[in-house]
Amino acid sequence: MTGELAGNAHEYITVEIYDQVYHLSGQDAEHIRELAARVDAKMRAVAAQGRTVDSLRVAVLAALNLADELSQAGSADPQQGHARAASLRVLLDEVLEDKSKTES
């Protein structure tokens, strides 16, 4: 991940997520860099599992994983949040598998 700053009140930050460059605007450049690094790491972890090479699908699966982490952190019942996220993953895998079969 890379980062550059320009401007004063509202800084522009250049980050790289999953080999794509994004120019983002925000007041807390370091926080934006940390978020981008976390998303990049999660996408690479998902891609390393070898289930898909399509970057959009990798992004969706990474988003589900991050949402699961967030729900577990804020949930009164982490087991329920984890079970819900697991069932969503299964459904998403089925949809992606079906789509993959129809595209072949």
N, C-alpha and C. Protein backbone atom coordinates (compact mmCIF):
# COMPACT_ATOMS: atom_id res chain seq x y z
N MET A 1 0.84 -1.17 0.00
CA MET A 1 0.00 0.00 0.00
C MET A 1 0.88 1.23 0.00
N THR A 2 0.50 2.26 -0.76
CA THR A 2 1.27 3.50 -0.79
C THR A 2 0.39 4.64 -0.35
N GLY A 3 1.02 5.78 -0.01
CA GLY A 3 0.22 6.92 0.40
C GLY A 3 0.93 8.23 0.12
N GLU A 4 0.18 9.23 -0.31
CA GLU A 4 0.71 10.56 -0.54
C GLU A 4 -0.30 11.56 -0.02
N LEU A 5 0.18 12.75 0.36
CA LEU A 5 -0.71 13.78 0.86
C LEU A 5 -0.58 15.03 0.03
N ALA A 6 -1.67 15.75 -0.12
CA ALA A 6 -1.66 17.05 -0.77
C ALA A 6 -2.83 17.84 -0.22
N GLY A 7 -2.66 19.13 -0.04
CA GLY A 7 -3.74 19.96 0.45
C GLY A 7 -3.63 20.19 1.94
N ASN A 8 -4.51 21.03 2.48
CA ASN A 8 -4.44 21.38 3.89
C ASN A 8 -5.63 20.87 4.69
N ALA A 9 -6.78 21.54 4.60
CA ALA A 9 -7.92 21.20 5.42
C ALA A 9 -8.45 19.81 5.09
N HIS A 10 -8.62 19.54 3.82
CA HIS A 10 -9.12 18.24 3.39
C HIS A 10 -8.03 17.58 2.56
N GLU A 11 -7.35 16.61 3.13
CA GLU A 11 -6.20 16.00 2.47
C GLU A 11 -6.64 14.94 1.48
N TYR A 12 -5.85 14.79 0.44
CA TYR A 12 -6.05 13.72 -0.53
C TYR A 12 -4.99 12.67 -0.28
N ILE A 13 -5.41 11.45 -0.19
CA ILE A 13 -4.52 10.34 0.13
C ILE A 13 -4.59 9.35 -1.01
N THR A 14 -3.44 8.92 -1.49
CA THR A 14 -3.38 7.89 -2.51
C THR A 14 -3.03 6.59 -1.83
N VAL A 15 -3.89 5.60 -2.01
CA VAL A 15 -3.65 4.29 -1.42
C VAL A 15 -3.76 3.24 -2.52
N GLU A 16 -3.19 2.10 -2.24
CA GLU A 16 -3.28 0.98 -3.17
C GLU A 16 -3.92 -0.18 -2.44
N ILE A 17 -5.02 -0.67 -3.03
CA ILE A 17 -5.74 -1.80 -2.46
C ILE A 17 -5.86 -2.86 -3.54
N TYR A 18 -5.29 -4.00 -3.27
CA TYR A 18 -5.36 -5.14 -4.18
C TYR A 18 -4.90 -4.74 -5.58
N ASP A 19 -3.76 -4.06 -5.61
CA ASP A 19 -3.09 -3.64 -6.84
C ASP A 19 -3.86 -2.59 -7.64
N GLN A 20 -4.78 -1.90 -7.01
CA GLN A 20 -5.50 -0.80 -7.65
C GLN A 20 -5.23 0.47 -6.85
N VAL A 21 -5.01 1.57 -7.55
CA VAL A 21 -4.73 2.85 -6.90
C VAL A 21 -6.03 3.62 -6.72
N TYR A 22 -6.22 4.16 -5.52
CA TYR A 22 -7.39 4.97 -5.21
C TYR A 22 -6.93 6.30 -4.62
N HIS A 23 -7.57 7.38 -5.03
CA HIS A 23 -7.30 8.71 -4.50
C HIS A 23 -8.49 9.08 -3.62
N LEU A 24 -8.25 9.13 -2.34
CA LEU A 24 -9.31 9.34 -1.37
C LEU A 24 -9.14 10.68 -0.68
N SER A 25 -10.23 11.23 -0.22
CA SER A 25 -10.22 12.50 0.47
C SER A 25 -10.68 12.29 1.90
N GLY A 26 -10.02 12.93 2.83
CA GLY A 26 -10.42 12.80 4.22
C GLY A 26 -9.58 13.68 5.12
N GLN A 27 -9.99 13.77 6.35
CA GLN A 27 -9.30 14.62 7.31
C GLN A 27 -8.22 13.87 8.08
N ASP A 28 -8.33 12.57 8.17
CA ASP A 28 -7.37 11.78 8.95
C ASP A 28 -6.66 10.80 8.01
N ALA A 29 -5.57 11.26 7.43
CA ALA A 29 -4.83 10.47 6.44
C ALA A 29 -4.35 9.14 7.02
N GLU A 30 -3.88 9.14 8.23
CA GLU A 30 -3.36 7.91 8.81
C GLU A 30 -4.47 6.88 9.00
N HIS A 31 -5.63 7.34 9.42
CA HIS A 31 -6.77 6.42 9.59
C HIS A 31 -7.17 5.82 8.24
N ILE A 32 -7.20 6.63 7.21
CA ILE A 32 -7.54 6.14 5.87
C ILE A 32 -6.51 5.12 5.40
N ARG A 33 -5.25 5.39 5.65
CA ARG A 33 -4.19 4.43 5.29
C ARG A 33 -4.37 3.11 6.03
N GLU A 34 -4.70 3.19 7.31
CA GLU A 34 -4.90 1.98 8.11
C GLU A 34 -6.09 1.17 7.59
N LEU A 35 -7.17 1.86 7.26
CA LEU A 35 -8.34 1.16 6.71
C LEU A 35 -8.01 0.50 5.37
N ALA A 36 -7.30 1.24 4.52
CA ALA A 36 -6.92 0.69 3.21
C ALA A 36 -6.02 -0.53 3.37
N ALA A 37 -5.10 -0.46 4.32
CA ALA A 37 -4.20 -1.59 4.58
C ALA A 37 -4.99 -2.80 5.07
N ARG A 38 -5.99 -2.55 5.90
CA ARG A 38 -6.80 -3.65 6.41
C ARG A 38 -7.62 -4.30 5.30
N VAL A 39 -8.21 -3.47 4.44
CA VAL A 39 -8.98 -4.00 3.31
C VAL A 39 -8.06 -4.77 2.36
N ASP A 40 -6.89 -4.21 2.07
CA ASP A 40 -5.93 -4.88 1.19
C ASP A 40 -5.53 -6.24 1.77
N ALA A 41 -5.23 -6.27 3.05
CA ALA A 41 -4.82 -7.53 3.69
C ALA A 41 -5.95 -8.55 3.65
N LYS A 42 -7.17 -8.10 3.90
CA LYS A 42 -8.31 -9.03 3.89
C LYS A 42 -8.55 -9.57 2.49
N MET A 43 -8.46 -8.70 1.48
CA MET A 43 -8.65 -9.16 0.10
C MET A 43 -7.58 -10.17 -0.29
N ARG A 44 -6.35 -9.92 0.11
CA ARG A 44 -5.26 -10.85 -0.22
C ARG A 44 -5.45 -12.19 0.51
N ALA A 45 -5.94 -12.14 1.73
CA ALA A 45 -6.20 -13.38 2.47
C ALA A 45 -7.30 -14.19 1.80
N VAL A 46 -8.36 -13.52 1.35
CA VAL A 46 -9.45 -14.20 0.64
C VAL A 46 -8.92 -14.80 -0.66
N ALA A 47 -8.16 -14.02 -1.41
CA ALA A 47 -7.62 -14.49 -2.69
C ALA A 47 -6.67 -15.67 -2.49
N ALA A 48 -5.94 -15.67 -1.39
CA ALA A 48 -4.99 -16.75 -1.13
C ALA A 48 -5.68 -18.08 -0.88
N GLN A 49 -6.96 -18.03 -0.50
CA GLN A 49 -7.71 -19.27 -0.30
C GLN A 49 -7.98 -19.96 -1.63
N GLY A 50 -7.81 -19.22 -2.73
CA GLY A 50 -7.89 -19.82 -4.05
C GLY A 50 -9.27 -20.11 -4.57
N ARG A 51 -10.31 -19.56 -3.96
CA ARG A 51 -11.67 -19.85 -4.42
C ARG A 51 -12.05 -19.04 -5.66
N THR A 52 -11.46 -17.86 -5.83
CA THR A 52 -11.83 -17.02 -6.96
C THR A 52 -10.67 -16.10 -7.31
N VAL A 53 -10.61 -15.71 -8.58
CA VAL A 53 -9.58 -14.77 -9.02
C VAL A 53 -10.19 -13.44 -9.44
N ASP A 54 -11.51 -13.39 -9.54
CA ASP A 54 -12.21 -12.17 -9.92
C ASP A 54 -12.13 -11.17 -8.78
N SER A 55 -11.55 -9.98 -9.04
CA SER A 55 -11.33 -9.01 -7.97
C SER A 55 -12.63 -8.52 -7.34
N LEU A 56 -13.71 -8.46 -8.11
CA LEU A 56 -14.99 -8.04 -7.52
C LEU A 56 -15.47 -9.08 -6.52
N ARG A 57 -15.37 -10.33 -6.88
CA ARG A 57 -15.78 -11.40 -5.96
C ARG A 57 -14.89 -11.42 -4.72
N VAL A 58 -13.59 -11.21 -4.91
CA VAL A 58 -12.67 -11.15 -3.78
C VAL A 58 -13.08 -10.00 -2.86
N ALA A 59 -13.45 -8.86 -3.46
CA ALA A 59 -13.85 -7.70 -2.66
C ALA A 59 -15.12 -7.99 -1.86
N VAL A 60 -16.09 -8.66 -2.48
CA VAL A 60 -17.34 -8.98 -1.79
C VAL A 60 -17.07 -9.94 -0.63
N LEU A 61 -16.27 -10.96 -0.87
CA LEU A 61 -15.96 -11.91 0.20
C LEU A 61 -15.17 -11.23 1.32
N ALA A 62 -14.25 -10.35 0.96
CA ALA A 62 -13.50 -9.60 1.97
C ALA A 62 -14.43 -8.71 2.78
N ALA A 63 -15.38 -8.07 2.10
CA ALA A 63 -16.35 -7.22 2.79
C ALA A 63 -17.19 -8.03 3.77
N LEU A 64 -17.60 -9.22 3.36
CA LEU A 64 -18.35 -10.09 4.27
C LEU A 64 -17.53 -10.46 5.50
N ASN A 65 -16.26 -10.77 5.29
CA ASN A 65 -15.39 -11.11 6.41
C ASN A 65 -15.23 -9.92 7.36
N LEU A 66 -15.03 -8.73 6.80
CA LEU A 66 -14.88 -7.54 7.63
C LEU A 66 -16.19 -7.21 8.37
N ALA A 67 -17.32 -7.39 7.68
CA ALA A 67 -18.61 -7.15 8.33
C ALA A 67 -18.82 -8.15 9.47
N ASP A 68 -18.40 -9.38 9.27
CA ASP A 68 -18.51 -10.40 10.31
C ASP A 68 -17.67 -9.99 11.52
N GLU A 69 -16.45 -9.54 11.28
CA GLU A 69 -15.59 -9.09 12.38
C GLU A 69 -16.23 -7.93 13.13
N LEU A 70 -16.80 -7.00 12.38
CA LEU A 70 -17.44 -5.84 12.99
C LEU A 70 -18.67 -6.26 13.81
N SER A 71 -19.47 -7.15 13.26
CA SER A 71 -20.67 -7.57 13.99
C SER A 71 -20.30 -8.34 15.25
N GLN A 72 -19.25 -9.12 15.19
CA GLN A 72 -18.82 -9.86 16.37
C GLN A 72 -18.29 -8.91 17.43
N ALA A 73 -17.61 -7.87 17.01
CA ALA A 73 -17.04 -6.91 17.97
C ALA A 73 -18.14 -6.13 18.68
N GLY A 74 -19.24 -5.83 17.97
CA GLY A 74 -20.29 -5.03 18.57
C GLY A 74 -21.52 -5.81 18.99
N SER A 75 -21.53 -7.09 18.75
CA SER A 75 -22.72 -7.90 19.03
C SER A 75 -22.76 -8.32 20.49
N ALA A 76 -23.98 -8.31 21.04
CA ALA A 76 -24.15 -8.81 22.40
C ALA A 76 -23.98 -10.33 22.43
N ASP A 77 -24.24 -10.97 21.30
CA ASP A 77 -24.12 -12.42 21.20
C ASP A 77 -23.22 -12.77 20.02
N PRO A 78 -21.91 -12.84 20.23
CA PRO A 78 -20.99 -13.12 19.12
C PRO A 78 -21.27 -14.43 18.40
N GLN A 79 -21.76 -15.43 19.09
CA GLN A 79 -22.06 -16.71 18.45
C GLN A 79 -23.15 -16.55 17.39
N GLN A 80 -24.17 -15.75 17.71
CA GLN A 80 -25.26 -15.53 16.77
C GLN A 80 -24.74 -14.76 15.55
N GLY A 81 -23.90 -13.75 15.77
CA GLY A 81 -23.33 -13.00 14.67
C GLY A 81 -22.45 -13.87 13.79
N HIS A 82 -21.67 -14.74 14.40
CA HIS A 82 -20.79 -15.63 13.64
C HIS A 82 -21.61 -16.62 12.82
N ALA A 83 -22.66 -17.17 13.41
CA ALA A 83 -23.51 -18.12 12.68
C ALA A 83 -24.19 -17.44 11.50
N ARG A 84 -24.66 -16.21 11.70
CA ARG A 84 -25.31 -15.46 10.62
C ARG A 84 -24.32 -15.20 9.49
N ALA A 85 -23.10 -14.79 9.83
CA ALA A 85 -22.08 -14.53 8.81
C ALA A 85 -21.70 -15.81 8.08
N ALA A 86 -21.62 -16.93 8.80
CA ALA A 86 -21.29 -18.20 8.16
C ALA A 86 -22.37 -18.61 7.16
N SER A 87 -23.64 -18.40 7.53
CA SER A 87 -24.70 -18.76 6.59
C SER A 87 -24.68 -17.84 5.37
N LEU A 88 -24.34 -16.57 5.57
CA LEU A 88 -24.22 -15.66 4.43
C LEU A 88 -23.08 -16.08 3.51
N ARG A 89 -21.98 -16.52 4.08
CA ARG A 89 -20.85 -17.00 3.27
C ARG A 89 -21.26 -18.19 2.42
N VAL A 90 -21.99 -19.13 3.02
CA VAL A 90 -22.44 -20.31 2.28
C VAL A 90 -23.34 -19.89 1.12
N LEU A 91 -24.28 -18.99 1.39
CA LEU A 91 -25.18 -18.51 0.33
C LEU A 91 -24.40 -17.81 -0.78
N LEU A 92 -23.46 -16.96 -0.40
CA LEU A 92 -22.66 -16.25 -1.40
C LEU A 92 -21.83 -17.23 -2.22
N ASP A 93 -21.22 -18.20 -1.57
CA ASP A 93 -20.45 -19.21 -2.31
C ASP A 93 -21.32 -19.95 -3.31
N GLU A 94 -22.55 -20.27 -2.92
CA GLU A 94 -23.46 -20.96 -3.82
C GLU A 94 -23.80 -20.09 -5.03
N VAL A 95 -24.09 -18.82 -4.78
CA VAL A 95 -24.42 -17.90 -5.87
C VAL A 95 -23.23 -17.76 -6.81
N LEU A 96 -22.05 -17.57 -6.25
CA LEU A 96 -20.85 -17.40 -7.09
C LEU A 96 -20.55 -18.67 -7.86
N GLU A 97 -20.76 -19.82 -7.25
CA GLU A 97 -20.53 -21.10 -7.92
C GLU A 97 -21.50 -21.28 -9.08
N ASP A 98 -22.78 -20.97 -8.84
CA ASP A 98 -23.78 -21.07 -9.90
C ASP A 98 -23.47 -20.13 -11.05
N LYS A 99 -23.06 -18.91 -10.72
CA LYS A 99 -22.73 -17.93 -11.77
C LYS A 99 -21.52 -18.41 -12.57
N SER A 100 -20.55 -18.98 -11.87
CA SER A 100 -19.34 -19.48 -12.53
C SER A 100 -19.69 -20.59 -13.51
N LYS A 101 -20.62 -21.46 -13.14
CA LYS A 101 -21.03 -22.57 -14.00
C LYS A 101 -21.76 -22.05 -15.25
N THR A 102 -22.56 -21.01 -15.07
CA THR A 102 -23.31 -20.48 -16.23
C THR A 102 -22.42 -19.71 -17.18
N GLU A 103 -21.31 -19.16 -16.67
CA GLU A 103 -20.39 -18.40 -17.52
C GLU A 103 -19.46 -19.31 -18.31
N SER A 104 -19.32 -20.55 -17.87
CA SER A 104 -18.39 -21.49 -18.53
C SER A 104 -18.95 -22.07 -19.79
